[in-house]
Amino acid sequence: MTGLFGGAFDPPHNGHLALARAAIEHFGLERLVVIPTGVAPHKPVATPGAVRLRLAAAAFADVPEAEISSWELDRGVPSYTVETTRWARDRWGEVIFLVGADQFAKLDTWHEPDRVLELARLGVATRPGFEGDALLRLRSQLTDPSRVELFDIEPVPVASTDVRERIRRGEPVEGLVPPPVADLIAELGLYRDGQSEGPAGTLERTERGTENR
């Protein structure tokens, strides 16, 4: 089974790794394809795609099942989950798309959600304190509830926005991001002024949220 894990990864943090490892174990994934957001239909992403691709590669370097894909970045046009899952299914067959419980709760706002569920199963990461009953009710309302499976992850209290803000304030991020990510952020001088510049000093803004909808 192949898993798909999309997101801005701006930067990738220990919460991303916790979700990835839990999904690999729960679903017995042979492959986890990590897909940094390309052009986002929703939330802007300031950090250039090539930089986020390097950050993702550094973050998942110690996860043997993980491979980093530049598919969305290479397209250069807005990417929706339905397009990414169609591409992945054509390439690997049956796939499972990993999302957080908060993203699954917004399923009705996704672009062609019914088609997404035809193309891929959804693996929904839940954590203690989240309303599991509400998610189960939402799943029960789907045409084919079997296409959605919930799995537990240990809570990791970190978000990419928090990491960026700490770096902007000159505070340490040890314990929040994998050490190779921290090293690369320092090497490239990322997030120090509240935005991220590429190696050539050009700012790239895209329109895409971490929901990968």
Protein backbone atom coordinates (compact mmCIF):
# COMPACT_ATOMS: atom_id res chain seq x y z
CA MET A 1 0.00 0.00 0.00
CA THR A 2 1.16 3.51 -0.86
CA GLY A 3 0.39 6.46 1.38
CA LEU A 4 0.27 10.09 0.28
CA PHE A 5 1.21 12.91 2.65
CA GLY A 6 0.76 16.43 1.30
CA GLY A 7 1.36 19.79 2.90
CA ALA A 8 3.28 23.04 2.74
CA PHE A 9 6.07 21.68 5.00
CA ASP A 10 7.06 25.25 5.78
CA PRO A 11 8.94 23.91 7.66
CA PRO A 12 8.31 20.21 8.34
CA HIS A 13 8.29 19.50 12.07
CA ASN A 14 8.16 16.63 14.53
CA GLY A 15 4.38 16.48 14.33
CA HIS A 16 4.66 15.64 10.62
CA LEU A 17 7.09 12.86 11.43
CA ALA A 18 4.83 11.49 14.18
CA LEU A 19 1.89 11.32 11.78
CA ALA A 20 4.00 9.69 9.06
CA ARG A 21 5.43 7.02 11.34
CA ALA A 22 2.05 6.24 12.91
CA ALA A 23 0.47 5.87 9.47
CA ILE A 24 3.25 3.62 8.20
CA GLU A 25 2.80 1.32 11.18
CA HIS A 26 -1.02 1.39 11.25
CA PHE A 27 -1.57 0.80 7.54
CA GLY A 28 1.55 -1.29 6.91
CA LEU A 29 2.63 1.15 4.20
CA GLU A 30 5.32 -0.02 1.82
CA ARG A 31 5.76 3.51 0.52
CA LEU A 32 4.93 6.98 1.85
CA VAL A 33 5.03 9.66 -0.84
CA VAL A 34 5.62 13.09 0.71
CA ILE A 35 4.31 15.79 -1.63
CA PRO A 36 5.16 19.42 -0.81
CA THR A 37 2.47 21.85 -1.89
CA GLY A 38 2.90 23.44 -5.29
CA VAL A 39 0.66 26.38 -6.22
CA ALA A 40 -1.98 26.54 -3.52
CA PRO A 41 -5.66 27.23 -4.27
CA HIS A 42 -6.13 28.67 -0.76
CA LYS A 43 -3.61 29.85 1.81
CA PRO A 44 -0.43 31.62 0.57
CA VAL A 45 2.93 29.92 1.13
CA ALA A 46 5.89 32.29 1.15
CA THR A 47 8.80 29.87 1.08
CA PRO A 48 9.95 28.84 -2.42
CA GLY A 49 9.01 25.31 -3.43
CA ALA A 50 12.58 24.24 -4.08
CA VAL A 51 13.48 25.18 -0.51
CA ARG A 52 10.51 23.33 0.99
CA LEU A 53 11.43 20.28 -1.10
CA ARG A 54 14.91 20.31 0.49
CA LEU A 55 13.40 20.73 3.94
CA ALA A 56 11.06 17.78 3.40
CA ALA A 57 13.92 15.61 2.14
CA ALA A 58 15.90 16.47 5.27
CA ALA A 59 12.96 15.80 7.58
CA PHE A 60 12.13 12.35 6.21
CA ALA A 61 15.67 11.17 5.48
CA ASP A 62 15.52 8.66 8.35
CA VAL A 63 12.14 7.21 7.35
CA PRO A 64 13.00 4.29 5.00
CA GLU A 65 9.49 4.10 3.52
CA ALA A 66 9.37 7.80 2.63
CA GLU A 67 10.14 9.32 -0.74
CA ILE A 68 9.80 12.98 -1.68
CA SER A 69 7.84 13.94 -4.78
CA SER A 70 8.07 17.25 -6.64
CA TRP A 71 4.98 16.44 -8.72
CA GLU A 72 2.86 19.37 -7.51
CA LEU A 73 5.79 21.77 -7.58
CA ASP A 74 6.65 20.80 -11.14
CA ARG A 75 3.12 21.47 -12.40
CA GLY A 76 3.24 25.21 -11.79
CA VAL A 77 -0.57 25.45 -11.56
CA PRO A 78 -2.98 25.12 -8.61
CA SER A 79 -3.23 21.53 -7.41
CA TYR A 80 -6.24 19.98 -5.71
CA THR A 81 -6.36 16.70 -3.85
CA VAL A 82 -8.50 15.16 -6.58
CA GLU A 83 -5.73 15.77 -9.13
CA THR A 84 -2.95 14.53 -6.87
CA THR A 85 -4.83 11.36 -5.96
CA ARG A 86 -5.66 10.69 -9.62
CA TRP A 87 -1.97 10.97 -10.53
CA ALA A 88 -0.95 8.72 -7.63
CA ARG A 89 -3.56 6.07 -8.36
CA ASP A 90 -2.49 5.93 -12.02
CA ARG A 91 1.08 5.37 -10.86
CA TRP A 92 0.76 3.09 -7.82
CA GLY A 93 -2.76 1.69 -7.86
CA GLU A 94 -4.65 1.75 -4.54
CA VAL A 95 -3.46 4.66 -2.38
CA ILE A 96 -4.38 6.14 0.97
CA PHE A 97 -4.30 9.90 1.45
CA LEU A 98 -3.32 11.03 4.95
CA VAL A 99 -5.01 14.01 6.59
CA GLY A 100 -5.48 15.41 10.06
CA ALA A 101 -8.82 15.23 11.82
CA ASP A 102 -9.35 18.98 11.39
CA GLN A 103 -8.97 18.69 7.60
CA PHE A 104 -11.33 15.71 7.43
CA ALA A 105 -13.93 17.71 9.37
CA LYS A 106 -13.93 20.18 6.44
CA LEU A 107 -14.39 17.47 3.79
CA ASP A 108 -17.47 19.15 2.35
CA THR A 109 -15.34 22.18 1.38
CA TRP A 110 -12.88 20.11 -0.65
CA HIS A 111 -12.88 20.23 -4.44
CA GLU A 112 -14.81 17.16 -5.68
CA PRO A 113 -14.67 15.28 -2.36
CA ASP A 114 -16.73 12.34 -3.64
CA ARG A 115 -14.30 11.83 -6.50
CA VAL A 116 -11.37 12.01 -4.07
CA LEU A 117 -12.90 9.14 -2.08
CA GLU A 118 -13.32 7.13 -5.29
CA LEU A 119 -9.65 7.61 -6.16
CA ALA A 120 -8.14 7.10 -2.71
CA ARG A 121 -8.91 5.96 0.78
CA LEU A 122 -8.51 8.56 3.51
CA GLY A 123 -6.40 7.91 6.58
CA VAL A 124 -7.49 10.37 9.25
CA ALA A 125 -5.05 11.03 12.08
CA THR A 126 -6.76 11.60 15.42
CA ARG A 127 -5.31 12.62 18.74
CA PRO A 128 -6.53 12.49 22.35
CA GLY A 129 -9.03 15.24 23.07
CA PHE A 130 -10.35 15.48 19.53
CA GLU A 131 -14.03 14.65 19.13
CA GLY A 132 -13.77 11.15 17.72
CA ASP A 133 -17.54 10.63 17.89
CA ALA A 134 -18.09 13.61 15.60
CA LEU A 135 -15.64 12.19 13.08
CA LEU A 136 -17.36 8.81 13.20
CA ARG A 137 -20.71 10.49 12.56
CA LEU A 138 -19.24 12.38 9.63
CA ARG A 139 -17.79 9.17 8.21
CA SER A 140 -21.13 7.38 8.62
CA GLN A 141 -22.79 10.00 6.41
CA LEU A 142 -20.52 9.24 3.45
CA THR A 143 -21.72 7.14 0.54
CA ASP A 144 -18.99 4.58 1.32
CA PRO A 145 -17.74 4.99 4.91
CA SER A 146 -15.25 2.16 4.39
CA ARG A 147 -13.14 4.56 2.32
CA VAL A 148 -12.19 6.44 5.52
CA GLU A 149 -10.19 4.97 8.39
CA LEU A 150 -9.21 6.73 11.59
CA PHE A 151 -5.87 6.10 13.29
CA ASP A 152 -4.38 7.48 16.50
CA ILE A 153 -1.23 9.56 16.81
CA GLU A 154 0.57 10.80 19.88
CA PRO A 155 -0.02 14.54 20.31
CA VAL A 156 2.97 16.67 19.33
CA PRO A 157 2.25 20.29 20.31
CA VAL A 158 3.96 22.06 17.41
CA ALA A 159 2.88 23.90 14.26
CA SER A 160 4.91 25.31 11.40
CA THR A 161 3.69 28.83 12.18
CA ASP A 162 5.05 28.46 15.73
CA VAL A 163 8.44 27.30 14.43
CA ARG A 164 8.68 30.23 12.02
CA GLU A 165 7.74 32.71 14.74
CA ARG A 166 10.28 31.30 17.18
CA ILE A 167 13.03 31.60 14.58
CA ARG A 168 11.95 35.16 13.79
CA ARG A 169 12.32 36.00 17.49
CA GLY A 170 15.72 34.31 17.64
CA GLU A 171 14.49 31.49 19.89
CA PRO A 172 15.68 27.86 19.62
CA VAL A 173 13.61 25.21 17.85
CA GLU A 174 15.35 22.11 19.19
CA GLY A 175 12.79 19.41 19.90
CA LEU A 176 10.28 20.97 17.49
CA VAL A 177 11.87 20.04 14.16
CA PRO A 178 14.20 17.18 13.18
CA PRO A 179 17.88 18.16 13.63
CA PRO A 180 18.62 18.04 9.86
CA VAL A 181 15.76 20.51 9.31
CA ALA A 182 17.10 22.85 12.00
CA ASP A 183 20.55 22.66 10.39
CA LEU A 184 19.18 23.46 6.93
CA ILE A 185 17.08 26.36 8.24
CA ALA A 186 20.20 27.82 9.85
CA GLU A 187 22.30 27.22 6.74
CA LEU A 188 19.80 28.99 4.46
CA GLY A 189 18.90 31.70 6.96
CA LEU A 190 15.20 30.95 6.70
CA TYR A 191 12.36 32.70 8.57
CA ARG A 192 14.55 35.27 10.29
CA ASP A 193 12.60 38.25 8.98
CA GLY A 194 9.16 36.63 9.01
CA GLN A 195 9.34 35.48 5.41
CA SER A 196 11.48 33.07 3.45
CA GLU A 197 13.74 33.85 0.55
CA GLY A 198 15.21 31.44 -1.91
CA PRO A 199 18.94 31.07 -2.53
CA ALA A 200 18.80 33.89 -5.06
CA GLY A 201 16.96 36.19 -2.66
CA THR A 202 13.65 36.13 -4.52
CA LEU A 203 10.38 35.77 -2.64
CA GLU A 204 7.89 33.26 -3.98
CA ARG A 205 4.23 33.37 -2.92
CA THR A 206 1.84 30.58 -3.80
CA GLU A 207 -1.83 29.99 -3.10
CA ARG A 208 -2.22 26.70 -1.29
CA GLY A 209 -3.13 25.54 2.19
CA THR A 210 -1.72 22.61 4.11
CA GLU A 211 -5.10 20.94 3.80
CA ASN A 212 -4.25 19.89 0.24
CA ARG A 213 -7.93 20.05 -0.69
